Amino acid sequence: DWDEAKMALEILWRIGEVAVSGRRGF
């Protein structure tokens, strides 16, 4: 039940197409 955009980011991050560029808190 994750928001689809967030799920897409998570998948793209795990397969290495996307990286975390920073965070504020969580």
PDB file of all heavy atoms in Angstrom:
ATOM      1  N   ASP A   1       0.814  -1.222   0.000  1.00  0.00           N
ATOM      2  CA  ASP A   1       0.000   0.000   0.000  1.00  0.00           C
ATOM      3  C   ASP A   1       0.845   1.268   0.000  1.00  0.00           C
ATOM      4  O   ASP A   1       0.420   2.312   0.442  1.00  0.00           O
ATOM      5  CB  ASP A   1      -0.971   0.013   1.189  1.00  0.00           C
ATOM      6  CG  ASP A   1      -2.023  -1.070   1.055  1.00  0.00           C
ATOM      7  OD1 ASP A   1      -2.433  -1.363  -0.080  1.00  0.00           O
ATOM      8  OD2 ASP A   1      -2.390  -1.621   2.085  1.00  0.00           O
ATOM      9  N   TRP A   2       2.072   1.184  -0.472  1.00  0.00           N
ATOM     10  CA  TRP A   2       2.894   2.380  -0.583  1.00  0.00           C
ATOM     11  C   TRP A   2       2.376   3.229  -1.730  1.00  0.00           C
ATOM     12  O   TRP A   2       1.867   2.723  -2.723  1.00  0.00           O
ATOM     13  CB  TRP A   2       4.346   1.989  -0.887  1.00  0.00           C
ATOM     14  CG  TRP A   2       5.161   1.694   0.319  1.00  0.00           C
ATOM     15  CD1 TRP A   2       4.719   1.350   1.555  1.00  0.00           C
ATOM     16  CD2 TRP A   2       6.587   1.680   0.382  1.00  0.00           C
ATOM     17  NE1 TRP A   2       5.771   1.130   2.393  1.00  0.00           N
ATOM     18  CE2 TRP A   2       6.934   1.319   1.705  1.00  0.00           C
ATOM     19  CE3 TRP A   2       7.593   1.926  -0.525  1.00  0.00           C
ATOM     20  CZ2 TRP A   2       8.247   1.211   2.125  1.00  0.00           C
ATOM     21  CZ3 TRP A   2       8.898   1.813  -0.113  1.00  0.00           C
ATOM     22  CH2 TRP A   2       9.222   1.464   1.206  1.00  0.00           C
ATOM     23  N   ASP A   3       2.572   4.502  -1.608  1.00  0.00           N
ATOM     24  CA  ASP A   3       2.311   5.388  -2.721  1.00  0.00           C
ATOM     25  C   ASP A   3       3.148   4.925  -3.918  1.00  0.00           C
ATOM     26  O   ASP A   3       4.314   4.570  -3.783  1.00  0.00           O
ATOM     27  CB  ASP A   3       2.697   6.811  -2.315  1.00  0.00           C
ATOM     28  CG  ASP A   3       2.593   7.787  -3.444  1.00  0.00           C
ATOM     29  OD1 ASP A   3       1.507   8.349  -3.636  1.00  0.00           O
ATOM     30  OD2 ASP A   3       3.599   7.973  -4.131  1.00  0.00           O
ATOM     31  N   GLU A   4       2.551   4.928  -5.109  1.00  0.00           N
ATOM     32  CA  GLU A   4       3.235   4.366  -6.268  1.00  0.00           C
ATOM     33  C   GLU A   4       4.525   5.104  -6.611  1.00  0.00           C
ATOM     34  O   GLU A   4       5.513   4.488  -7.022  1.00  0.00           O
ATOM     35  CB  GLU A   4       2.293   4.354  -7.477  1.00  0.00           C
ATOM     36  CG  GLU A   4       1.209   3.304  -7.359  1.00  0.00           C
ATOM     37  CD  GLU A   4       0.351   3.217  -8.604  1.00  0.00           C
ATOM     38  OE1 GLU A   4       0.625   3.949  -9.565  1.00  0.00           O
ATOM     39  OE2 GLU A   4      -0.576   2.405  -8.614  1.00  0.00           O
ATOM     40  N   ALA A   5       4.522   6.415  -6.478  1.00  0.00           N
ATOM     41  CA  ALA A   5       5.745   7.157  -6.779  1.00  0.00           C
ATOM     42  C   ALA A   5       6.864   6.749  -5.823  1.00  0.00           C
ATOM     43  O   ALA A   5       8.018   6.569  -6.233  1.00  0.00           O
ATOM     44  CB  ALA A   5       5.487   8.657  -6.680  1.00  0.00           C
ATOM     45  N   LYS A   6       6.525   6.581  -4.541  1.00  0.00           N
ATOM     46  CA  LYS A   6       7.531   6.174  -3.563  1.00  0.00           C
ATOM     47  C   LYS A   6       8.024   4.763  -3.857  1.00  0.00           C
ATOM     48  O   LYS A   6       9.224   4.475  -3.748  1.00  0.00           O
ATOM     49  CB  LYS A   6       6.952   6.250  -2.155  1.00  0.00           C
ATOM     50  CG  LYS A   6       7.972   5.974  -1.065  1.00  0.00           C
ATOM     51  CD  LYS A   6       7.381   6.233   0.314  1.00  0.00           C
ATOM     52  CE  LYS A   6       8.426   6.008   1.402  1.00  0.00           C
ATOM     53  NZ  LYS A   6       7.872   6.257   2.750  1.00  0.00           N
ATOM     54  N   MET A   7       7.112   3.892  -4.261  1.00  0.00           N
ATOM     55  CA  MET A   7       7.513   2.533  -4.591  1.00  0.00           C
ATOM     56  C   MET A   7       8.436   2.518  -5.797  1.00  0.00           C
ATOM     57  O   MET A   7       9.438   1.775  -5.843  1.00  0.00           O
ATOM     58  CB  MET A   7       6.267   1.685  -4.866  1.00  0.00           C
ATOM     59  CG  MET A   7       6.559   0.206  -4.989  1.00  0.00           C
ATOM     60  SD  MET A   7       7.130  -0.449  -3.404  1.00  0.00           S
ATOM     61  CE  MET A   7       8.342  -1.630  -3.955  1.00  0.00           C
ATOM     62  N   ALA A   8       8.140   3.345  -6.782  1.00  0.00           N
ATOM     63  CA  ALA A   8       8.993   3.427  -7.963  1.00  0.00           C
ATOM     64  C   ALA A   8      10.395   3.890  -7.583  1.00  0.00           C
ATOM     65  O   ALA A   8      11.401   3.351  -8.063  1.00  0.00           O
ATOM     66  CB  ALA A   8       8.370   4.372  -8.990  1.00  0.00           C
ATOM     67  N   LEU A   9      10.481   4.883  -6.723  1.00  0.00           N
ATOM     68  CA  LEU A   9      11.783   5.370  -6.277  1.00  0.00           C
ATOM     69  C   LEU A   9      12.552   4.270  -5.543  1.00  0.00           C
ATOM     70  O   LEU A   9      13.763   4.109  -5.735  1.00  0.00           O
ATOM     71  CB  LEU A   9      11.608   6.585  -5.366  1.00  0.00           C
ATOM     72  CG  LEU A   9      11.143   7.875  -6.044  1.00  0.00           C
ATOM     73  CD1 LEU A   9      10.750   8.904  -4.994  1.00  0.00           C
ATOM     74  CD2 LEU A   9      12.231   8.432  -6.957  1.00  0.00           C
ATOM     75  N   GLU A  10      11.861   3.522  -4.692  1.00  0.00           N
ATOM     76  CA  GLU A  10      12.508   2.452  -3.939  1.00  0.00           C
ATOM     77  C   GLU A  10      13.075   1.393  -4.880  1.00  0.00           C
ATOM     78  O   GLU A  10      14.207   0.925  -4.702  1.00  0.00           O
ATOM     79  CB  GLU A  10      11.502   1.827  -2.968  1.00  0.00           C
ATOM     80  CG  GLU A  10      12.028   0.686  -2.128  1.00  0.00           C
ATOM     81  CD  GLU A  10      12.908   1.139  -0.976  1.00  0.00           C
ATOM     82  OE1 GLU A  10      12.961   2.356  -0.703  1.00  0.00           O
ATOM     83  OE2 GLU A  10      13.545   0.267  -0.348  1.00  0.00           O
ATOM     84  N   ILE A  11      12.318   1.011  -5.885  1.00  0.00           N
ATOM     85  CA  ILE A  11      12.785  -0.009  -6.825  1.00  0.00           C
ATOM     86  C   ILE A  11      13.960   0.508  -7.643  1.00  0.00           C
ATOM     87  O   ILE A  11      14.980  -0.175  -7.809  1.00  0.00           O
ATOM     88  CB  ILE A  11      11.621  -0.457  -7.734  1.00  0.00           C
ATOM     89  CG1 ILE A  11      10.651  -1.336  -6.938  1.00  0.00           C
ATOM     90  CG2 ILE A  11      12.138  -1.211  -8.959  1.00  0.00           C
ATOM     91  CD1 ILE A  11       9.443  -1.790  -7.710  1.00  0.00           C
ATOM     92  N   LEU A  12      13.838   1.715  -8.157  1.00  0.00           N
ATOM     93  CA  LEU A  12      14.923   2.285  -8.961  1.00  0.00           C
ATOM     94  C   LEU A  12      16.194   2.455  -8.135  1.00  0.00           C
ATOM     95  O   LEU A  12      17.311   2.339  -8.657  1.00  0.00           O
ATOM     96  CB  LEU A  12      14.480   3.617  -9.560  1.00  0.00           C
ATOM     97  CG  LEU A  12      13.376   3.524 -10.623  1.00  0.00           C
ATOM     98  CD1 LEU A  12      12.871   4.911 -10.975  1.00  0.00           C
ATOM     99  CD2 LEU A  12      13.875   2.798 -11.867  1.00  0.00           C
ATOM    100  N   TRP A  13      16.028   2.741  -6.836  1.00  0.00           N
ATOM    101  CA  TRP A  13      17.182   2.844  -5.937  1.00  0.00           C
ATOM    102  C   TRP A  13      17.841   1.479  -5.749  1.00  0.00           C
ATOM    103  O   TRP A  13      19.065   1.348  -5.845  1.00  0.00           O
ATOM    104  CB  TRP A  13      16.719   3.415  -4.595  1.00  0.00           C
ATOM    105  CG  TRP A  13      17.741   3.427  -3.513  1.00  0.00           C
ATOM    106  CD1 TRP A  13      18.946   4.068  -3.510  1.00  0.00           C
ATOM    107  CD2 TRP A  13      17.645   2.775  -2.239  1.00  0.00           C
ATOM    108  NE1 TRP A  13      19.603   3.861  -2.319  1.00  0.00           N
ATOM    109  CE2 TRP A  13      18.826   3.076  -1.520  1.00  0.00           C
ATOM    110  CE3 TRP A  13      16.665   1.988  -1.633  1.00  0.00           C
ATOM    111  CZ2 TRP A  13      19.045   2.599  -0.236  1.00  0.00           C
ATOM    112  CZ3 TRP A  13      16.890   1.513  -0.337  1.00  0.00           C
ATOM    113  CH2 TRP A  13      18.069   1.814   0.337  1.00  0.00           C
ATOM    114  N   ARG A  14      17.050   0.455  -5.533  1.00  0.00           N
ATOM    115  CA  ARG A  14      17.618  -0.874  -5.298  1.00  0.00           C
ATOM    116  C   ARG A  14      18.315  -1.443  -6.525  1.00  0.00           C
ATOM    117  O   ARG A  14      19.278  -2.205  -6.396  1.00  0.00           O
ATOM    118  CB  ARG A  14      16.535  -1.833  -4.787  1.00  0.00           C
ATOM    119  CG  ARG A  14      16.145  -1.558  -3.342  1.00  0.00           C
ATOM    120  CD  ARG A  14      15.065  -2.491  -2.836  1.00  0.00           C
ATOM    121  NE  ARG A  14      14.746  -2.172  -1.456  1.00  0.00           N
ATOM    122  CZ  ARG A  14      15.243  -2.804  -0.399  1.00  0.00           C
ATOM    123  NH1 ARG A  14      16.096  -3.792  -0.572  1.00  0.00           N
ATOM    124  NH2 ARG A  14      14.893  -2.454   0.833  1.00  0.00           N
ATOM    125  N   ILE A  15      17.863  -1.093  -7.721  1.00  0.00           N
ATOM    126  CA  ILE A  15      18.516  -1.609  -8.921  1.00  0.00           C
ATOM    127  C   ILE A  15      19.610  -0.667  -9.409  1.00  0.00           C
ATOM    128  O   ILE A  15      20.245  -0.918 -10.438  1.00  0.00           O
ATOM    129  CB  ILE A  15      17.504  -1.894 -10.049  1.00  0.00           C
ATOM    130  CG1 ILE A  15      16.836  -0.616 -10.547  1.00  0.00           C
ATOM    131  CG2 ILE A  15      16.480  -2.925  -9.588  1.00  0.00           C
ATOM    132  CD1 ILE A  15      15.873  -0.853 -11.711  1.00  0.00           C
ATOM    133  N   GLY A  16      19.848   0.421  -8.684  1.00  0.00           N
ATOM    134  CA  GLY A  16      20.998   1.265  -8.945  1.00  0.00           C
ATOM    135  C   GLY A  16      20.804   2.372  -9.959  1.00  0.00           C
ATOM    136  O   GLY A  16      21.761   3.081 -10.287  1.00  0.00           O
ATOM    137  N   GLU A  17      19.583   2.576 -10.438  1.00  0.00           N
ATOM    138  CA  GLU A  17      19.348   3.676 -11.376  1.00  0.00           C
ATOM    139  C   GLU A  17      19.205   5.013 -10.660  1.00  0.00           C
ATOM    140  O   GLU A  17      19.448   6.068 -11.248  1.00  0.00           O
ATOM    141  CB  GLU A  17      18.093   3.404 -12.207  1.00  0.00           C
ATOM    142  CG  GLU A  17      18.229   2.265 -13.197  1.00  0.00           C
ATOM    143  CD  GLU A  17      17.031   2.188 -14.126  1.00  0.00           C
ATOM    144  OE1 GLU A  17      16.436   3.243 -14.428  1.00  0.00           O
ATOM    145  OE2 GLU A  17      16.686   1.063 -14.533  1.00  0.00           O
ATOM    146  N   VAL A  18      18.809   4.956  -9.407  1.00  0.00           N
ATOM    147  CA  VAL A  18      18.555   6.146  -8.599  1.00  0.00           C
ATOM    148  C   VAL A  18      19.387   6.038  -7.338  1.00  0.00           C
ATOM    149  O   VAL A  18      19.669   4.933  -6.853  1.00  0.00           O
ATOM    150  CB  VAL A  18      17.045   6.238  -8.274  1.00  0.00           C
ATOM    151  CG1 VAL A  18      16.777   7.113  -7.069  1.00  0.00           C
ATOM    152  CG2 VAL A  18      16.275   6.746  -9.490  1.00  0.00           C
ATOM    153  N   ALA A  19      19.813   7.171  -6.814  1.00  0.00           N
ATOM    154  CA  ALA A  19      20.545   7.208  -5.548  1.00  0.00           C
ATOM    155  C   ALA A  19      19.872   8.202  -4.616  1.00  0.00           C
ATOM    156  O   ALA A  19      19.180   9.126  -5.061  1.00  0.00           O
ATOM    157  CB  ALA A  19      22.004   7.596  -5.767  1.00  0.00           C
ATOM    158  N   VAL A  20      20.058   7.989  -3.319  1.00  0.00           N
ATOM    159  CA  VAL A  20      19.564   8.947  -2.334  1.00  0.00           C
ATOM    160  C   VAL A  20      20.516  10.133  -2.332  1.00  0.00           C
ATOM    161  O   VAL A  20      21.714   9.990  -2.085  1.00  0.00           O
ATOM    162  CB  VAL A  20      19.477   8.303  -0.939  1.00  0.00           C
ATOM    163  CG1 VAL A  20      19.064   9.338   0.106  1.00  0.00           C
ATOM    164  CG2 VAL A  20      18.491   7.138  -0.952  1.00  0.00           C
ATOM    165  N   SER A  21      19.970  11.311  -2.605  1.00  0.00           N
ATOM    166  CA  SER A  21      20.812  12.507  -2.718  1.00  0.00           C
ATOM    167  C   SER A  21      20.897  13.286  -1.414  1.00  0.00           C
ATOM    168  O   SER A  21      21.648  14.257  -1.312  1.00  0.00           O
ATOM    169  CB  SER A  21      20.281  13.415  -3.824  1.00  0.00           C
ATOM    170  OG  SER A  21      18.952  13.829  -3.547  1.00  0.00           O
ATOM    171  N   GLY A  22      20.145  12.874  -0.413  1.00  0.00           N
ATOM    172  CA  GLY A  22      20.153  13.537   0.886  1.00  0.00           C
ATOM    173  C   GLY A  22      18.892  13.177   1.637  1.00  0.00           C
ATOM    174  O   GLY A  22      18.000  12.508   1.112  1.00  0.00           O
ATOM    175  N   ARG A  23      18.821  13.587   2.870  1.00  0.00           N
ATOM    176  CA  ARG A  23      17.601  13.344   3.648  1.00  0.00           C
ATOM    177  C   ARG A  23      17.483  14.393   4.726  1.00  0.00           C
ATOM    178  O   ARG A  23      18.476  14.966   5.193  1.00  0.00           O
ATOM    179  CB  ARG A  23      17.577  11.943   4.242  1.00  0.00           C
ATOM    180  CG  ARG A  23      18.644  11.639   5.259  1.00  0.00           C
ATOM    181  CD  ARG A  23      18.270  10.431   6.117  1.00  0.00           C
ATOM    182  NE  ARG A  23      18.166   9.176   5.409  1.00  0.00           N
ATOM    183  CZ  ARG A  23      17.222   8.269   5.644  1.00  0.00           C
ATOM    184  NH1 ARG A  23      16.319   8.489   6.574  1.00  0.00           N
ATOM    185  NH2 ARG A  23      17.189   7.127   4.977  1.00  0.00           N
ATOM    186  N   ARG A  24      16.250  14.629   5.126  1.00  0.00           N
ATOM    187  CA  ARG A  24      15.959  15.443   6.290  1.00  0.00           C
ATOM    188  C   ARG A  24      15.146  14.568   7.224  1.00  0.00           C
ATOM    189  O   ARG A  24      13.998  14.238   6.940  1.00  0.00           O
ATOM    190  CB  ARG A  24      15.184  16.700   5.904  1.00  0.00           C
ATOM    191  CG  ARG A  24      14.778  17.545   7.115  1.00  0.00           C
ATOM    192  CD  ARG A  24      14.235  18.900   6.700  1.00  0.00           C
ATOM    193  NE  ARG A  24      15.265  19.724   6.075  1.00  0.00           N
ATOM    194  CZ  ARG A  24      15.024  20.948   5.625  1.00  0.00           C
ATOM    195  NH1 ARG A  24      13.821  21.478   5.729  1.00  0.00           N
ATOM    196  NH2 ARG A  24      16.004  21.637   5.056  1.00  0.00           N
ATOM    197  N   GLY A  25      15.770  14.195   8.357  1.00  0.00           N
ATOM    198  CA  GLY A  25      15.117  13.238   9.239  1.00  0.00           C
ATOM    199  C   GLY A  25      14.965  11.921   8.517  1.00  0.00           C
ATOM    200  O   GLY A  25      15.931  11.304   8.105  1.00  0.00           O
ATOM    201  N   PHE A  26      13.705  11.495   8.342  1.00  0.00           N
ATOM    202  CA  PHE A  26      13.485  10.246   7.630  1.00  0.00           C
ATOM    203  C   PHE A  26      12.848  10.459   6.266  1.00  0.00           C
ATOM    204  O   PHE A  26      12.322   9.525   5.666  1.00  0.00           O
ATOM    205  CB  PHE A  26      12.664   9.265   8.482  1.00  0.00           C
ATOM    206  CG  PHE A  26      13.525   8.165   9.008  1.00  0.00           C
ATOM    207  CD1 PHE A  26      14.432   8.420  10.022  1.00  0.00           C
ATOM    208  CD2 PHE A  26      13.502   6.908   8.449  1.00  0.00           C
ATOM    209  CE1 PHE A  26      15.271   7.426  10.489  1.00  0.00           C
ATOM    210  CE2 PHE A  26      14.342   5.908   8.896  1.00  0.00           C
ATOM    211  CZ  PHE A  26      15.224   6.162   9.925  1.00  0.00           C
TER     212      PHE A  26
END
